[in-house]
């Protein structure tokens, strides 16, 4: 296992669940963490954080 961090990105979305569903299907990413305001998705080479748009 490498100690190098994975490339990652943060996406702000109005509908977090819909965006997560898209990336799970299109890029075969898996949910690794959930909180009320964000969800973290992981693939072998990339991490993606989908964050709710602040109100």
N, C-alpha and C. Protein backbone atom coordinates (compact mmCIF):
# COMPACT_ATOMS: atom_id res chain seq x y z
N UNK A 1 0.84 -1.19 0.00
CA UNK A 1 0.00 0.00 0.00
C UNK A 1 0.88 1.24 0.00
N UNK A 2 0.54 2.20 -0.83
CA UNK A 2 1.30 3.43 -0.95
C UNK A 2 0.83 4.46 0.07
N UNK A 3 1.77 5.27 0.54
CA UNK A 3 1.42 6.37 1.45
C UNK A 3 1.10 7.65 0.70
N UNK A 4 1.21 7.61 -0.63
CA UNK A 4 0.90 8.79 -1.42
C UNK A 4 -0.61 9.05 -1.40
N UNK A 5 -1.01 10.31 -1.22
CA UNK A 5 -2.44 10.61 -1.25
C UNK A 5 -3.00 10.44 -2.66
N UNK A 6 -4.27 10.07 -2.73
CA UNK A 6 -4.94 9.94 -4.02
C UNK A 6 -5.28 11.33 -4.57
N UNK A 7 -5.27 11.48 -5.89
CA UNK A 7 -5.83 12.70 -6.45
C UNK A 7 -7.30 12.78 -6.02
N UNK A 8 -7.78 14.00 -5.79
CA UNK A 8 -9.16 14.14 -5.33
C UNK A 8 -9.75 15.46 -5.80
N UNK A 9 -11.07 15.54 -5.65
CA UNK A 9 -11.79 16.76 -6.02
C UNK A 9 -13.01 16.90 -5.13
N UNK A 10 -13.49 18.13 -5.02
CA UNK A 10 -14.72 18.43 -4.29
C UNK A 10 -15.72 19.03 -5.27
N UNK A 11 -16.93 18.51 -5.25
CA UNK A 11 -18.01 19.04 -6.08
C UNK A 11 -19.13 19.50 -5.15
N UNK A 12 -19.58 20.73 -5.34
CA UNK A 12 -20.73 21.24 -4.58
C UNK A 12 -21.98 21.00 -5.41
N UNK A 13 -23.02 20.45 -4.77
CA UNK A 13 -24.23 20.08 -5.50
C UNK A 13 -25.48 20.44 -4.70
N UNK A 14 -26.54 20.81 -5.42
CA UNK A 14 -27.83 21.04 -4.78
C UNK A 14 -28.48 19.72 -4.37
N UNK A 15 -28.30 18.69 -5.20
CA UNK A 15 -28.88 17.39 -4.93
C UNK A 15 -27.74 16.37 -4.81
N UNK A 16 -27.23 16.22 -3.61
CA UNK A 16 -26.07 15.35 -3.36
C UNK A 16 -26.37 13.91 -3.78
N UNK A 17 -27.52 13.39 -3.41
CA UNK A 17 -27.87 12.00 -3.71
C UNK A 17 -27.86 11.73 -5.20
N UNK A 18 -28.37 12.65 -5.99
CA UNK A 18 -28.42 12.48 -7.44
C UNK A 18 -27.02 12.47 -8.05
N UNK A 19 -26.15 13.35 -7.58
CA UNK A 19 -24.77 13.41 -8.09
C UNK A 19 -24.00 12.16 -7.68
N UNK A 20 -24.19 11.71 -6.45
CA UNK A 20 -23.53 10.48 -5.99
C UNK A 20 -23.97 9.30 -6.85
N UNK A 21 -25.25 9.18 -7.11
CA UNK A 21 -25.77 8.08 -7.93
C UNK A 21 -25.12 8.10 -9.32
N UNK A 22 -24.95 9.28 -9.89
CA UNK A 22 -24.32 9.42 -11.20
C UNK A 22 -22.89 8.88 -11.18
N UNK A 23 -22.08 9.33 -10.22
CA UNK A 23 -20.68 8.91 -10.17
C UNK A 23 -20.52 7.44 -9.78
N UNK A 24 -21.42 6.94 -8.96
CA UNK A 24 -21.39 5.50 -8.64
C UNK A 24 -21.60 4.68 -9.91
N UNK A 25 -22.53 5.11 -10.74
CA UNK A 25 -22.84 4.37 -11.96
C UNK A 25 -21.84 4.55 -13.08
N UNK A 26 -21.45 5.78 -13.35
CA UNK A 26 -20.59 6.08 -14.49
C UNK A 26 -19.13 5.69 -14.23
N UNK A 27 -18.63 5.97 -13.03
CA UNK A 27 -17.22 5.72 -12.74
C UNK A 27 -17.01 4.55 -11.78
N UNK A 28 -18.07 3.83 -11.46
CA UNK A 28 -17.99 2.68 -10.55
C UNK A 28 -17.32 3.04 -9.22
N UNK A 29 -17.65 4.22 -8.70
CA UNK A 29 -17.10 4.65 -7.41
C UNK A 29 -17.97 4.11 -6.28
N UNK A 30 -17.37 3.95 -5.11
CA UNK A 30 -18.08 3.42 -3.94
C UNK A 30 -18.10 4.46 -2.83
N UNK A 31 -19.20 4.48 -2.09
CA UNK A 31 -19.31 5.38 -0.94
C UNK A 31 -18.42 4.84 0.19
N UNK A 32 -17.56 5.71 0.72
CA UNK A 32 -16.69 5.31 1.83
C UNK A 32 -16.98 6.11 3.10
N UNK A 33 -17.73 7.20 2.99
CA UNK A 33 -18.05 8.02 4.15
C UNK A 33 -19.29 8.86 3.85
N UNK A 34 -20.17 8.99 4.84
CA UNK A 34 -21.32 9.87 4.68
C UNK A 34 -21.49 10.73 5.92
N UNK A 35 -21.90 11.94 5.70
CA UNK A 35 -22.28 12.90 6.73
C UNK A 35 -23.52 13.62 6.20
N UNK A 36 -24.23 14.33 7.04
CA UNK A 36 -25.43 15.03 6.56
C UNK A 36 -25.15 16.02 5.43
N UNK A 37 -23.94 16.59 5.38
CA UNK A 37 -23.66 17.61 4.37
C UNK A 37 -22.71 17.18 3.26
N UNK A 38 -22.18 15.95 3.32
CA UNK A 38 -21.29 15.49 2.24
C UNK A 38 -21.18 13.96 2.22
N UNK A 39 -20.77 13.46 1.05
CA UNK A 39 -20.52 12.04 0.85
C UNK A 39 -19.18 11.91 0.13
N UNK A 40 -18.37 10.95 0.58
CA UNK A 40 -17.07 10.71 -0.03
C UNK A 40 -17.15 9.43 -0.86
N UNK A 41 -16.73 9.54 -2.11
CA UNK A 41 -16.69 8.39 -3.02
C UNK A 41 -15.24 8.05 -3.31
N UNK A 42 -14.99 6.76 -3.52
CA UNK A 42 -13.63 6.30 -3.78
C UNK A 42 -13.62 5.37 -4.97
N UNK A 43 -12.55 5.44 -5.75
CA UNK A 43 -12.23 4.43 -6.74
C UNK A 43 -10.79 4.02 -6.46
N UNK A 44 -10.27 3.14 -7.26
CA UNK A 44 -8.90 2.68 -7.03
C UNK A 44 -7.89 3.83 -7.08
N UNK A 45 -8.14 4.80 -7.96
CA UNK A 45 -7.15 5.85 -8.21
C UNK A 45 -7.60 7.27 -7.86
N UNK A 46 -8.83 7.44 -7.37
CA UNK A 46 -9.36 8.80 -7.22
C UNK A 46 -10.35 8.85 -6.07
N UNK A 47 -10.43 10.01 -5.41
CA UNK A 47 -11.42 10.24 -4.35
C UNK A 47 -12.21 11.49 -4.71
N UNK A 48 -13.51 11.42 -4.50
CA UNK A 48 -14.40 12.51 -4.84
C UNK A 48 -15.30 12.83 -3.66
N UNK A 49 -15.36 14.09 -3.27
CA UNK A 49 -16.24 14.53 -2.19
C UNK A 49 -17.38 15.33 -2.81
N UNK A 50 -18.60 14.87 -2.58
CA UNK A 50 -19.79 15.59 -3.04
C UNK A 50 -20.34 16.30 -1.81
N UNK A 51 -20.35 17.63 -1.87
CA UNK A 51 -20.72 18.45 -0.72
C UNK A 51 -21.98 19.24 -1.05
N UNK A 52 -22.91 19.27 -0.11
CA UNK A 52 -24.13 20.05 -0.30
C UNK A 52 -23.81 21.54 -0.41
N UNK A 53 -24.51 22.22 -1.28
CA UNK A 53 -24.35 23.67 -1.41
C UNK A 53 -24.79 24.30 -0.10
N UNK A 54 -23.95 25.11 0.52
CA UNK A 54 -24.34 25.76 1.77
C UNK A 54 -25.57 26.63 1.56
N UNK A 55 -26.46 26.59 2.55
CA UNK A 55 -27.71 27.38 2.45
C UNK A 55 -27.54 28.74 3.07
